[in-house]
């Protein structure tokens, strides 16, 4: 998959919304179908084509990239600039209407829950 690295470039910092993930999944399946010579008219299920090509869903790859980056950050010492950014307090103030944007911490917590890992495991490189 030549296009996948270009699509996933810098995805470690994306707090993905369901609509964006859905668009990425659709675009990826269109490329895989095109690569295999199938169209939607052939009515072949996505999982069958994925098993044929042996490609993991793009959502799983994004989660893997994000957790790998999280592991690198957690392994660094606490006085590095990357770790100091974790401790920055955002000042309170008036915010826009609606649901607040997801923070990277919330997304990482969800990813850890899906994969079944904890933050403490990031310190052990072999287990991570």
Protein backbone atom coordinates (compact mmCIF):
# COMPACT_ATOMS: atom_id res chain seq x y z
CA UNK A 1 0.00 0.00 0.00
CA UNK A 2 1.84 3.01 -1.31
CA UNK A 3 -0.80 5.62 -0.50
CA UNK A 4 -1.31 4.65 3.15
CA UNK A 5 1.85 6.34 4.53
CA UNK A 6 0.92 9.58 2.78
CA UNK A 7 -2.61 9.46 4.19
CA UNK A 8 -1.41 8.61 7.68
CA UNK A 9 1.41 11.15 7.78
CA UNK A 10 1.44 12.84 11.20
CA UNK A 11 -1.71 10.98 12.30
CA UNK A 12 -0.30 10.51 15.80
CA UNK A 13 -1.71 13.91 16.77
CA UNK A 14 -5.18 13.52 15.26
CA UNK A 15 -8.10 13.22 17.64
CA UNK A 16 -10.25 11.55 14.99
CA UNK A 17 -13.97 12.04 14.71
CA UNK A 18 -16.16 9.22 13.49
CA UNK A 19 -16.92 11.05 10.25
CA UNK A 20 -13.23 11.40 9.36
CA UNK A 21 -12.52 7.77 10.24
CA UNK A 22 -15.46 6.71 8.08
CA UNK A 23 -14.15 8.77 5.17
CA UNK A 24 -10.69 7.27 5.54
CA UNK A 25 -12.14 3.74 5.64
CA UNK A 26 -14.23 4.39 2.53
CA UNK A 27 -11.30 5.88 0.63
CA UNK A 28 -9.05 2.99 1.62
CA UNK A 29 -11.62 0.38 0.55
CA UNK A 30 -12.09 2.13 -2.78
CA UNK A 31 -8.34 1.95 -3.39
CA UNK A 32 -8.16 -1.71 -2.33
CA UNK A 33 -11.10 -2.63 -4.57
CA UNK A 34 -9.51 -0.76 -7.46
CA UNK A 35 -6.18 -2.51 -6.80
CA UNK A 36 -7.89 -5.93 -6.86
CA UNK A 37 -10.00 -5.15 -9.90
CA UNK A 38 -13.33 -5.38 -8.07
CA UNK A 39 -16.13 -2.85 -7.99
CA UNK A 40 -19.09 -2.40 -5.70
CA UNK A 41 -21.27 -4.00 -8.36
CA UNK A 42 -19.47 -7.31 -7.70
CA UNK A 43 -21.03 -7.26 -4.18
CA UNK A 44 -18.01 -8.69 -2.39
CA UNK A 45 -17.87 -7.85 1.30
CA UNK A 46 -15.11 -5.61 2.61
CA UNK A 47 -13.81 -8.19 5.08
CA UNK A 48 -13.46 -10.75 2.26
CA UNK A 49 -11.38 -8.32 0.21
CA UNK A 50 -9.31 -7.37 3.28
CA UNK A 51 -8.62 -11.06 3.98
CA UNK A 52 -7.64 -11.54 0.35
CA UNK A 53 -5.20 -8.64 0.38
CA UNK A 54 -4.18 -9.16 4.05
CA UNK A 55 -4.48 -5.50 5.01
CA UNK A 56 -5.51 -4.23 8.45
CA UNK A 57 -8.13 -1.48 8.64
CA UNK A 58 -6.76 2.05 8.55
CA UNK A 59 -8.38 2.78 11.92
CA UNK A 60 -6.22 0.09 13.54
CA UNK A 61 -3.10 1.49 11.91
CA UNK A 62 -3.88 5.00 13.17
CA UNK A 63 -4.37 3.61 16.68
CA UNK A 64 -1.06 1.72 16.42
CA UNK A 65 0.82 4.84 15.27
CA UNK A 66 -0.75 6.97 18.01
CA UNK A 67 0.07 4.47 20.76
CA UNK A 68 3.63 4.03 19.47
CA UNK A 69 4.14 7.79 19.69
CA UNK A 70 2.55 7.84 23.16
CA UNK A 71 4.99 5.14 24.26
CA UNK A 72 7.96 7.15 23.00
CA UNK A 73 6.76 10.22 24.87
CA UNK A 74 6.17 8.32 28.13
CA UNK A 75 9.64 6.71 27.96
CA UNK A 76 11.37 10.10 27.93
CA UNK A 77 12.41 11.85 31.11
CA UNK A 78 10.00 14.31 32.68
CA UNK A 79 12.19 17.37 32.10
CA UNK A 80 12.14 17.08 28.28
CA UNK A 81 10.01 19.68 26.47
CA UNK A 82 7.56 17.06 25.22
CA UNK A 83 6.78 15.87 28.74
CA UNK A 84 6.62 19.42 30.14
CA UNK A 85 3.83 20.19 27.66
CA UNK A 86 1.66 17.61 29.45
CA UNK A 87 1.66 19.78 32.56
CA UNK A 88 0.51 23.01 30.90
CA UNK A 89 -2.75 24.27 32.36
CA UNK A 90 -5.12 25.86 29.88
CA UNK A 91 -6.66 29.02 31.36
CA UNK A 92 -10.38 29.01 31.99
CA UNK A 93 -12.44 31.29 29.87
CA UNK A 94 -15.45 31.50 27.64
CA UNK A 95 -15.60 28.73 25.09
CA UNK A 96 -17.77 28.08 22.06
CA UNK A 97 -21.16 26.43 22.21
CA UNK A 98 -21.43 22.71 21.81
CA UNK A 99 -19.36 19.75 22.84
CA UNK A 100 -15.70 20.58 23.51
CA UNK A 101 -13.13 19.08 21.16
CA UNK A 102 -11.56 15.81 22.26
CA UNK A 103 -8.17 16.20 23.80
CA UNK A 104 -5.32 13.91 22.87
CA UNK A 105 -5.42 12.46 26.40
CA UNK A 106 -9.03 11.34 25.94
CA UNK A 107 -8.21 9.71 22.61
CA UNK A 108 -5.17 7.93 24.05
CA UNK A 109 -7.24 6.64 26.99
CA UNK A 110 -9.84 5.25 24.56
CA UNK A 111 -7.11 3.61 22.46
CA UNK A 112 -5.52 2.05 25.53
CA UNK A 113 -8.90 0.69 26.58
CA UNK A 114 -9.55 -0.82 23.12
CA UNK A 115 -6.14 -2.48 22.98
CA UNK A 116 -6.21 -3.52 26.65
CA UNK A 117 -3.05 -1.72 27.79
CA UNK A 118 -2.25 0.66 30.63
CA UNK A 119 -0.04 3.74 30.74
CA UNK A 120 2.39 2.01 33.10
CA UNK A 121 3.33 -0.53 30.42
CA UNK A 122 4.84 2.24 28.29
CA UNK A 123 7.90 2.27 30.56
CA UNK A 124 8.81 -1.29 29.54
CA UNK A 125 9.88 -1.14 25.90
CA UNK A 126 9.65 -4.90 25.31
CA UNK A 127 6.10 -5.20 26.62
CA UNK A 128 4.93 -2.06 24.85
